[in-house]
């Protein structure tokens, strides 16, 4: 079992701190909180720019400010959610990419088959519960909340891992199973965001800019130097590119890719994903978020090391800017998100995990029982970070979005439920 404690603890502490501050602030002085969230970082004021063009280009990031409607502003909320969170999703994508393509990758081969089956159940179960219950609430409620069907599919990697260690112990194979499920779940969540939640009128032609930037930087600064170094033991071309140019060509390509996603109508926070596979990477995987990776010197891991602390700060502001919901905002979406997570997730993971392990004979890791799948599903019901992000994307600002956010925040109840279920199912802790 690879130790990922430092990574998880750092990211979790700042994120939850921002969320707690937001909850307290929004319930003590909501007007000042919302003024802070929409604080203008940049605006154009009668300088000859076409306001409608900028508003269309940057979508929800630009809003009228000051009451007169004469200004167009770039808000702090847009900067964090649509721009800076792209680096967080890039780090997550890096882990998924390495787990899939590298030797010993966690998501390669038969060892990942049952966790992937369980992941599918952990997504279909919550969606089914969410939509079926919404339909029972009536057509008006269904129409209002249906677009949030993807919110309960999310699993928060950091907090699920922490609770998994508490329930199973750090050395239990179920913890690694849970980590695989969580990372696969979030990978699927990125696909759902891109496909089902466009941020405006779709203009797929702009994706050519993202793809072109990724292909160009891959060929010019990854493939070409290696080709030039064939037969040369010191690898002069690759060394020069690494030491002299470093990550700058990839950062430029990332900016172009982000702009391509934004103009294409896809959520721009996903804009760096095409660039991740283009960056030179290690030749083998050491485990998802493994501490051993801090000693690797390939450019992809170097980029992750550089982004680590900035992304921690970004996650603090993400919690601060998105978790500020008044407690009176609870509504139908709150209970639907919770039902999807707390009911649909455990039973979905159990059913599909059993199908993979027993019906398709893919098996479970040594030391795991079928009933452990249900406990894993309870832990995976902690949606928080990605669930909160999807709630912001799925609904326009207002009562329904606030109610859905509350459901994402209340999913922390799954931690307590998991501890109880672990005791009832007689989980045997295995510590390192």
Protein backbone atom coordinates (compact mmCIF):
# COMPACT_ATOMS: atom_id res chain seq x y z
CA UNK A 1 0.00 0.00 0.00
CA UNK A 2 1.52 3.28 -1.07
CA UNK A 3 1.54 6.11 1.45
CA UNK A 4 -0.39 9.09 0.09
CA UNK A 5 -1.04 10.71 3.45
CA UNK A 6 0.93 13.94 2.95
CA UNK A 7 -0.67 14.73 -0.40
CA UNK A 8 -4.18 13.99 0.84
CA UNK A 9 -3.78 15.78 4.17
CA UNK A 10 -2.42 18.97 2.60
CA UNK A 11 -5.10 19.19 -0.06
CA UNK A 12 -7.90 18.27 2.33
CA UNK A 13 -7.04 20.63 5.17
CA UNK A 14 -6.98 23.75 3.01
CA UNK A 15 -10.06 22.73 1.06
CA UNK A 16 -12.17 22.00 4.13
CA UNK A 17 -10.88 25.18 5.81
CA UNK A 18 -12.10 27.27 2.90
CA UNK A 19 -15.46 25.49 2.90
CA UNK A 20 -15.99 25.99 6.65
CA UNK A 21 -15.12 29.68 6.43
CA UNK A 22 -17.55 30.04 3.52
CA UNK A 23 -20.39 28.32 5.41
CA UNK A 24 -19.90 30.49 8.49
CA UNK A 25 -19.50 33.69 6.48
CA UNK A 26 -22.52 33.06 4.24
CA UNK A 27 -24.76 32.42 7.24
CA UNK A 28 -23.52 35.40 9.27
CA UNK A 29 -23.32 38.03 6.54
CA UNK A 30 -24.51 36.66 3.18
CA UNK A 31 -24.42 40.00 1.35
CA UNK A 32 -20.73 40.62 2.05
CA UNK A 33 -19.93 36.98 1.18
CA UNK A 34 -21.61 37.15 -2.23
CA UNK A 35 -20.01 40.53 -2.89
CA UNK A 36 -16.63 38.90 -2.24
CA UNK A 37 -17.40 35.96 -4.54
CA UNK A 38 -18.26 38.28 -7.42
CA UNK A 39 -15.45 40.72 -6.64
CA UNK A 40 -14.23 42.31 -9.91
CA UNK A 41 -10.61 41.53 -10.69
CA UNK A 42 -10.67 43.07 -14.15
CA UNK A 43 -13.13 45.25 -16.01
CA UNK A 44 -13.32 47.30 -19.16
CA UNK A 45 -14.76 50.77 -18.79
CA UNK A 46 -15.43 52.76 -21.93
CA UNK A 47 -12.17 51.80 -23.61
CA UNK A 48 -13.66 50.93 -26.94
CA UNK A 49 -14.07 47.19 -26.38
CA UNK A 50 -17.13 45.34 -27.62
CA UNK A 51 -18.81 44.34 -24.34
CA UNK A 52 -21.09 41.77 -25.98
CA UNK A 53 -18.09 40.02 -27.55
CA UNK A 54 -16.27 39.71 -24.23
CA UNK A 55 -19.42 38.65 -22.39
CA UNK A 56 -20.04 35.93 -24.99
CA UNK A 57 -16.41 34.83 -24.99
CA UNK A 58 -16.06 34.50 -21.25
CA UNK A 59 -19.62 33.49 -20.45
CA UNK A 60 -20.57 33.54 -16.79
CA UNK A 61 -17.27 35.04 -15.75
CA UNK A 62 -18.46 38.44 -16.84
CA UNK A 63 -21.41 40.16 -15.23
CA UNK A 64 -22.83 43.62 -14.79
CA UNK A 65 -21.44 45.35 -11.73
CA UNK A 66 -22.19 48.58 -9.92
CA UNK A 67 -25.89 48.74 -10.76
CA UNK A 68 -25.57 50.90 -13.85
CA UNK A 69 -24.77 48.08 -16.24
CA UNK A 70 -21.95 50.10 -17.77
CA UNK A 71 -19.14 47.78 -16.71
CA UNK A 72 -18.22 44.23 -17.60
CA UNK A 73 -16.15 42.50 -14.96
CA UNK A 74 -14.10 39.35 -14.51
CA UNK A 75 -15.09 37.88 -11.15
CA UNK A 76 -12.97 36.08 -8.58
CA UNK A 77 -15.40 33.15 -8.86
CA UNK A 78 -14.70 32.75 -12.58
CA UNK A 79 -10.95 33.04 -12.07
CA UNK A 80 -10.93 30.16 -9.58
CA UNK A 81 -13.62 27.84 -10.98
CA UNK A 82 -12.98 28.18 -14.70
CA UNK A 83 -9.30 29.05 -14.88
CA UNK A 84 -7.26 28.01 -11.84
CA UNK A 85 -9.16 24.77 -11.16
CA UNK A 86 -7.83 23.62 -14.54
CA UNK A 87 -4.53 22.92 -12.77
CA UNK A 88 -6.27 20.73 -10.16
CA UNK A 89 -7.98 18.69 -12.87
CA UNK A 90 -4.66 18.47 -14.73
CA UNK A 91 -3.04 16.86 -11.66
CA UNK A 92 -5.93 14.40 -11.38
CA UNK A 93 -5.63 13.65 -15.10
CA UNK A 94 -1.89 13.06 -14.69
CA UNK A 95 -2.55 10.34 -12.12
CA UNK A 96 -5.21 8.72 -14.31
CA UNK A 97 -2.96 8.86 -17.39
CA UNK A 98 -0.04 7.20 -15.61
CA UNK A 99 -2.31 4.59 -14.01
CA UNK A 100 -3.59 3.62 -17.47
CA UNK A 101 -0.48 3.64 -19.71
CA UNK A 102 2.57 2.97 -17.53
CA UNK A 103 4.05 -0.34 -16.50
CA UNK A 104 2.54 -1.38 -13.15
CA UNK A 105 -0.21 1.22 -13.66
CA UNK A 106 -3.05 0.72 -11.19
CA UNK A 107 -5.76 0.85 -13.85
CA UNK A 108 -4.13 -1.69 -16.17
CA UNK A 109 -4.96 -5.33 -16.61
CA UNK A 110 -7.16 -7.69 -14.66
CA UNK A 111 -6.34 -6.15 -11.28
CA UNK A 112 -8.37 -3.07 -12.24
CA UNK A 113 -11.31 -4.94 -13.76
CA UNK A 114 -13.42 -5.42 -10.63
CA UNK A 115 -12.80 -1.86 -9.34
CA UNK A 116 -13.90 -0.54 -12.74
CA UNK A 117 -17.06 -2.67 -12.61
CA UNK A 118 -17.71 -1.28 -9.13
CA UNK A 119 -17.09 2.25 -10.42
CA UNK A 120 -19.75 1.77 -13.08
CA UNK A 121 -22.23 0.66 -10.43
CA UNK A 122 -21.18 3.57 -8.23
CA UNK A 123 -22.26 5.93 -11.00
CA UNK A 124 -25.37 4.23 -12.39
CA UNK A 125 -26.78 3.60 -8.91
CA UNK A 126 -26.78 7.25 -7.80
CA UNK A 127 -28.11 8.48 -11.16
CA UNK A 128 -30.99 5.98 -11.02
CA UNK A 129 -31.93 6.86 -7.43
CA UNK A 130 -31.69 10.60 -8.14
CA UNK A 131 -33.87 10.56 -11.26
CA UNK A 132 -36.42 8.01 -10.01
CA UNK A 133 -37.02 9.93 -6.77
CA UNK A 134 -37.16 13.21 -8.69
CA UNK A 135 -39.85 11.71 -10.94
CA UNK A 136 -41.87 10.65 -7.88
CA UNK A 137 -41.75 14.24 -6.62
CA UNK A 138 -43.70 15.42 -9.64
CA UNK A 139 -43.01 16.90 -13.04
CA UNK A 140 -42.32 20.41 -11.75
CA UNK A 141 -39.64 19.19 -9.33
CA UNK A 142 -38.22 16.81 -11.93
CA UNK A 143 -37.88 19.58 -14.51
CA UNK A 144 -36.17 21.82 -11.96
CA UNK A 145 -33.61 19.32 -10.71
CA UNK A 146 -33.11 16.79 -13.52
CA UNK A 147 -29.99 18.49 -14.85
CA UNK A 148 -28.20 17.71 -11.60
CA UNK A 149 -28.26 13.93 -12.19
CA UNK A 150 -24.44 13.77 -12.34
CA UNK A 151 -23.83 15.41 -8.95
CA UNK A 152 -24.15 12.20 -6.86
CA UNK A 153 -21.88 10.24 -9.20
CA UNK A 154 -18.83 11.98 -7.72
CA UNK A 155 -16.41 10.54 -5.17
CA UNK A 156 -14.02 12.81 -3.30
CA UNK A 157 -10.63 11.08 -3.52
CA UNK A 158 -9.04 12.84 -0.56
CA UNK A 159 -11.74 12.44 2.05
CA UNK A 160 -12.71 8.95 0.91
CA UNK A 161 -9.12 7.85 1.35
CA UNK A 162 -8.93 9.32 4.85
CA UNK A 163 -12.15 7.59 5.93
CA UNK A 164 -11.07 4.36 4.22
CA UNK A 165 -7.93 4.29 6.38
CA UNK A 166 -10.04 4.81 9.51
CA UNK A 167 -12.48 2.01 8.62
CA UNK A 168 -10.16 -0.62 7.12
CA UNK A 169 -6.71 0.37 8.31
CA UNK A 170 -3.91 1.51 6.02
CA UNK A 171 -2.82 -2.03 5.10
CA UNK A 172 -6.20 -3.44 4.06
CA UNK A 173 -6.57 -4.28 0.33
CA UNK A 174 -9.97 -2.55 0.39
CA UNK A 175 -8.21 0.81 0.77
CA UNK A 176 -6.35 0.33 -2.51
CA UNK A 177 -9.58 -0.89 -4.13
CA UNK A 178 -11.32 2.27 -2.88
CA UNK A 179 -8.53 4.48 -4.23
CA UNK A 180 -8.79 2.85 -7.68
CA UNK A 181 -12.56 3.27 -7.65
CA UNK A 182 -12.30 6.94 -6.63
CA UNK A 183 -9.76 7.88 -9.30
CA UNK A 184 -11.72 6.03 -12.01
CA UNK A 185 -14.90 7.72 -10.77
CA UNK A 186 -13.35 11.16 -11.09
CA UNK A 187 -11.97 10.32 -14.53
CA UNK A 188 -15.51 9.45 -15.61
CA UNK A 189 -16.68 12.65 -13.96
CA UNK A 190 -14.35 14.68 -16.18
CA UNK A 191 -15.87 13.02 -19.23
CA UNK A 192 -19.39 13.75 -17.96
CA UNK A 193 -18.49 17.40 -17.42
CA UNK A 194 -17.12 17.72 -20.94
CA UNK A 195 -19.95 15.87 -22.70
CA UNK A 196 -23.10 16.72 -20.75
CA UNK A 197 -22.39 20.17 -19.31
CA UNK A 198 -21.30 22.54 -22.07
CA UNK A 199 -20.94 26.14 -20.94
CA UNK A 200 -22.53 27.83 -23.93
CA UNK A 201 -23.28 27.33 -27.59
CA UNK A 202 -21.12 24.46 -28.80
CA UNK A 203 -18.50 25.34 -31.39
CA UNK A 204 -16.50 22.10 -31.78
CA UNK A 205 -14.23 23.62 -34.40
CA UNK A 206 -12.40 25.42 -31.58
CA UNK A 207 -11.31 22.04 -30.19
CA UNK A 208 -8.94 21.88 -33.15
CA UNK A 209 -6.93 24.56 -31.36
CA UNK A 210 -6.65 22.37 -28.25
CA UNK A 211 -5.81 19.23 -30.21
CA UNK A 212 -3.39 21.11 -32.46
CA UNK A 213 -1.57 22.62 -29.48
CA UNK A 214 -1.24 19.20 -27.84
CA UNK A 215 -0.03 17.47 -31.00
CA UNK A 216 2.41 20.26 -31.87
CA UNK A 217 4.04 20.41 -28.44
CA UNK A 218 4.21 16.60 -28.29
CA UNK A 219 5.92 16.27 -31.67
CA UNK A 220 8.28 19.26 -31.35
CA UNK A 221 9.38 18.98 -27.73
CA UNK A 222 8.85 15.32 -26.89
CA UNK A 223 9.16 13.08 -29.95
CA UNK A 224 11.64 15.13 -32.02
CA UNK A 225 14.35 15.43 -29.32
CA UNK A 226 14.15 11.69 -28.64
CA UNK A 227 14.49 10.95 -32.37
CA UNK A 228 17.52 13.23 -32.59
CA UNK A 229 19.08 11.40 -29.65
CA UNK A 230 18.89 7.93 -31.20
CA UNK A 231 22.32 6.34 -30.87
CA UNK A 232 23.61 9.13 -28.59
CA UNK A 233 24.16 7.96 -25.03
CA UNK A 234 24.20 11.48 -23.49
CA UNK A 235 20.88 12.43 -25.17
CA UNK A 236 21.99 16.05 -25.91
CA UNK A 237 18.78 17.18 -27.64
CA UNK A 238 16.44 15.93 -24.90
CA UNK A 239 18.73 17.34 -22.22
CA UNK A 240 18.82 20.76 -23.88
CA UNK A 241 15.04 20.85 -24.23
CA UNK A 242 14.56 19.79 -20.61
CA UNK A 243 17.16 22.16 -19.10
CA UNK A 244 16.63 25.18 -21.33
CA UNK A 245 12.96 25.14 -22.29
CA UNK A 246 11.63 23.11 -19.35
CA UNK A 247 7.83 23.32 -19.04
CA UNK A 248 7.39 26.64 -20.89
CA UNK A 249 6.36 25.15 -24.28
CA UNK A 250 3.75 23.04 -22.49
CA UNK A 251 2.48 26.01 -20.51
CA UNK A 252 2.00 27.94 -23.75
CA UNK A 253 0.19 24.96 -25.27
CA UNK A 254 -1.92 24.71 -22.11
CA UNK A 255 -3.02 28.32 -22.51
CA UNK A 256 -4.02 27.71 -26.12
CA UNK A 257 -5.85 24.52 -25.16
CA UNK A 258 -7.73 26.29 -22.36
CA UNK A 259 -8.82 29.02 -24.77
CA UNK A 260 -9.92 26.38 -27.29
CA UNK A 261 -12.12 24.67 -24.68
CA UNK A 262 -13.60 27.98 -23.58
CA UNK A 263 -14.46 29.06 -27.13
CA UNK A 264 -15.75 25.56 -27.98
CA UNK A 265 -18.39 25.87 -25.24
CA UNK A 266 -16.88 23.14 -23.03
CA UNK A 267 -16.05 23.85 -19.43
CA UNK A 268 -12.64 25.57 -19.59
CA UNK A 269 -11.48 23.99 -16.32
CA UNK A 270 -10.94 20.85 -18.41
CA UNK A 271 -8.87 22.73 -20.95
CA UNK A 272 -5.48 21.39 -19.86
CA UNK A 273 -6.41 17.72 -20.19
CA UNK A 274 -5.23 17.33 -23.82
CA UNK A 275 -1.76 18.62 -22.85
CA UNK A 276 -1.10 16.14 -20.03
CA UNK A 277 -0.43 13.12 -22.33
CA UNK A 278 1.97 15.25 -24.40
CA UNK A 279 4.40 15.86 -21.50
CA UNK A 280 7.35 13.43 -21.09
CA UNK A 281 6.58 11.03 -18.27
CA UNK A 282 8.20 8.30 -16.17
CA UNK A 283 8.53 4.77 -17.54
CA UNK A 284 6.64 3.09 -14.70
CA UNK A 285 3.95 3.92 -12.16
CA UNK A 286 4.52 3.92 -8.41
CA UNK A 287 0.89 4.19 -7.32
CA UNK A 288 -1.81 6.83 -7.33
CA UNK A 289 -0.49 9.95 -5.57
CA UNK A 290 2.44 7.90 -4.25
CA UNK A 291 5.02 9.79 -2.22
CA UNK A 292 7.70 7.92 -4.16
CA UNK A 293 6.90 10.16 -7.13
CA UNK A 294 8.49 13.14 -5.37
CA UNK A 295 11.87 11.60 -6.24
CA UNK A 296 11.11 11.24 -9.97
CA UNK A 297 12.69 13.77 -12.30
CA UNK A 298 10.62 13.33 -15.47
CA UNK A 299 8.98 16.54 -16.68
CA UNK A 300 5.41 15.43 -15.93
CA UNK A 301 6.22 14.75 -12.27
CA UNK A 302 8.32 17.93 -12.17
CA UNK A 303 5.26 19.90 -13.30
CA UNK A 304 3.15 18.24 -10.60
CA UNK A 305 5.74 19.16 -7.95
CA UNK A 306 5.67 22.80 -9.11
CA UNK A 307 1.86 22.88 -9.06
CA UNK A 308 1.40 21.19 -5.69
CA UNK A 309 1.44 24.21 -3.39
CA UNK A 310 -0.32 26.61 -5.81
CA UNK A 311 -3.11 24.06 -6.27
CA UNK A 312 -3.45 23.72 -2.50
CA UNK A 313 -4.17 27.46 -2.39
CA UNK A 314 -6.55 27.16 -5.35
CA UNK A 315 -8.50 24.46 -3.51
CA UNK A 316 -8.77 26.69 -0.46
CA UNK A 317 -10.33 29.41 -2.60
CA UNK A 318 -12.51 26.86 -4.39
CA UNK A 319 -14.01 25.85 -1.03
CA UNK A 320 -14.28 29.48 0.04
CA UNK A 321 -16.02 30.63 -3.14
CA UNK A 322 -18.38 27.69 -3.65
CA UNK A 323 -19.38 26.30 -0.25
CA UNK A 324 -21.01 29.48 1.05
CA UNK A 325 -24.62 28.30 1.28
CA UNK A 326 -27.20 29.46 3.81
CA UNK A 327 -28.66 26.62 5.84
CA UNK A 328 -32.15 27.70 4.84
CA UNK A 329 -31.31 26.78 1.23
CA UNK A 330 -32.14 23.10 1.71
CA UNK A 331 -34.68 21.79 -0.78
CA UNK A 332 -35.57 18.88 -3.06
CA UNK A 333 -32.13 18.88 -4.73
CA UNK A 334 -30.46 18.49 -1.31
CA UNK A 335 -32.32 15.27 -0.51
CA UNK A 336 -31.96 13.92 -4.04
CA UNK A 337 -28.19 14.39 -4.03
CA UNK A 338 -27.95 12.79 -0.59
CA UNK A 339 -30.19 9.87 -1.58
CA UNK A 340 -28.16 9.29 -4.72
CA UNK A 341 -24.91 9.25 -2.75
CA UNK A 342 -25.97 7.50 0.45
CA UNK A 343 -28.29 4.91 -1.15
CA UNK A 344 -27.40 4.63 -4.82
CA UNK A 345 -23.61 4.61 -4.36
CA UNK A 346 -23.29 1.74 -1.80
CA UNK A 347 -25.81 -0.54 -3.48
CA UNK A 348 -24.48 0.25 -6.96
CA UNK A 349 -20.90 -0.56 -5.92
CA UNK A 350 -22.05 -3.76 -4.18
CA UNK A 351 -24.15 -5.01 -7.11
CA UNK A 352 -21.68 -4.30 -9.90
CA UNK A 353 -18.68 -5.30 -7.79
CA UNK A 354 -20.40 -8.65 -7.11
CA UNK A 355 -21.13 -9.05 -10.83
CA UNK A 356 -17.48 -8.43 -11.70
CA UNK A 357 -16.05 -10.58 -8.93
CA UNK A 358 -18.44 -13.54 -9.03
CA UNK A 359 -20.49 -13.61 -12.25
CA UNK A 360 -17.63 -12.58 -14.54
CA UNK A 361 -15.09 -14.32 -12.27
CA UNK A 362 -12.71 -11.37 -12.11
CA UNK A 363 -12.21 -11.91 -8.41
CA UNK A 364 -11.41 -9.64 -5.49
CA UNK A 365 -8.01 -8.82 -3.95
CA UNK A 366 -6.82 -11.32 -1.36
CA UNK A 367 -8.23 -10.41 2.05
CA UNK A 368 -11.40 -8.70 0.72
CA UNK A 369 -14.96 -9.95 1.21
CA UNK A 370 -18.02 -9.23 -0.90
CA UNK A 371 -19.59 -7.30 1.97
CA UNK A 372 -16.53 -5.02 1.98
CA UNK A 373 -17.81 -3.70 -1.35
CA UNK A 374 -20.84 -2.24 0.43
CA UNK A 375 -18.59 -0.56 2.99
CA UNK A 376 -16.45 0.84 0.17
CA UNK A 377 -19.62 2.18 -1.48
CA UNK A 378 -20.59 3.94 1.76
CA UNK A 379 -17.17 5.59 1.95
CA UNK A 380 -17.26 6.52 -1.75
CA UNK A 381 -20.53 8.37 -1.06
CA UNK A 382 -18.47 11.33 0.17
CA UNK A 383 -18.90 13.49 -2.92
CA UNK A 384 -17.79 16.93 -1.72
CA UNK A 385 -15.20 18.48 -4.10
CA UNK A 386 -16.28 17.17 -7.51
CA UNK A 387 -19.97 17.00 -6.46
CA UNK A 388 -19.78 20.66 -5.44
CA UNK A 389 -18.11 21.54 -8.74
CA UNK A 390 -20.76 19.72 -10.79
CA UNK A 391 -23.54 21.41 -8.79
CA UNK A 392 -22.13 24.82 -9.73
CA UNK A 393 -21.97 23.78 -13.39
CA UNK A 394 -25.33 21.98 -13.55
CA UNK A 395 -27.53 24.79 -12.22
CA UNK A 396 -27.72 28.53 -12.59
CA UNK A 397 -27.07 30.51 -9.39
CA UNK A 398 -30.19 30.42 -7.26
CA UNK A 399 -32.20 28.26 -4.85
CA UNK A 400 -31.80 24.98 -6.76
CA UNK A 401 -28.03 25.35 -7.05
CA UNK A 402 -27.75 26.24 -3.37
CA UNK A 403 -29.88 23.22 -2.41
CA UNK A 404 -27.70 20.92 -4.54
CA UNK A 405 -24.54 22.39 -2.98
CA UNK A 406 -25.97 21.65 0.45
CA UNK A 407 -26.42 18.03 -0.58
CA UNK A 408 -22.78 17.85 -1.68
CA UNK A 409 -21.65 19.32 1.66
CA UNK A 410 -23.90 17.04 3.71
CA UNK A 411 -22.38 14.02 1.96
CA UNK A 412 -19.78 14.13 4.72
CA UNK A 413 -22.42 12.21 6.70
CA UNK A 414 -21.20 9.18 4.73
CA UNK A 415 -18.07 9.19 6.90
CA UNK A 416 -20.03 8.48 10.06
CA UNK A 417 -22.26 5.98 8.29
CA UNK A 418 -19.17 4.17 6.98
CA UNK A 419 -17.70 3.80 10.46
CA UNK A 420 -20.98 2.32 11.73
CA UNK A 421 -21.38 -0.01 8.72
CA UNK A 422 -17.77 -1.14 9.14
CA UNK A 423 -18.50 -2.14 12.72
CA UNK A 424 -21.76 -3.91 11.80
CA UNK A 425 -20.11 -5.90 9.00
CA UNK A 426 -17.18 -6.79 11.28
CA UNK A 427 -14.44 -5.30 9.15
CA UNK A 428 -11.03 -6.49 10.38
CA UNK A 429 -8.64 -3.54 10.35
CA UNK A 430 -5.22 -4.21 8.87
CA UNK A 431 -2.64 -1.59 9.73
CA UNK A 432 0.79 -1.37 8.17
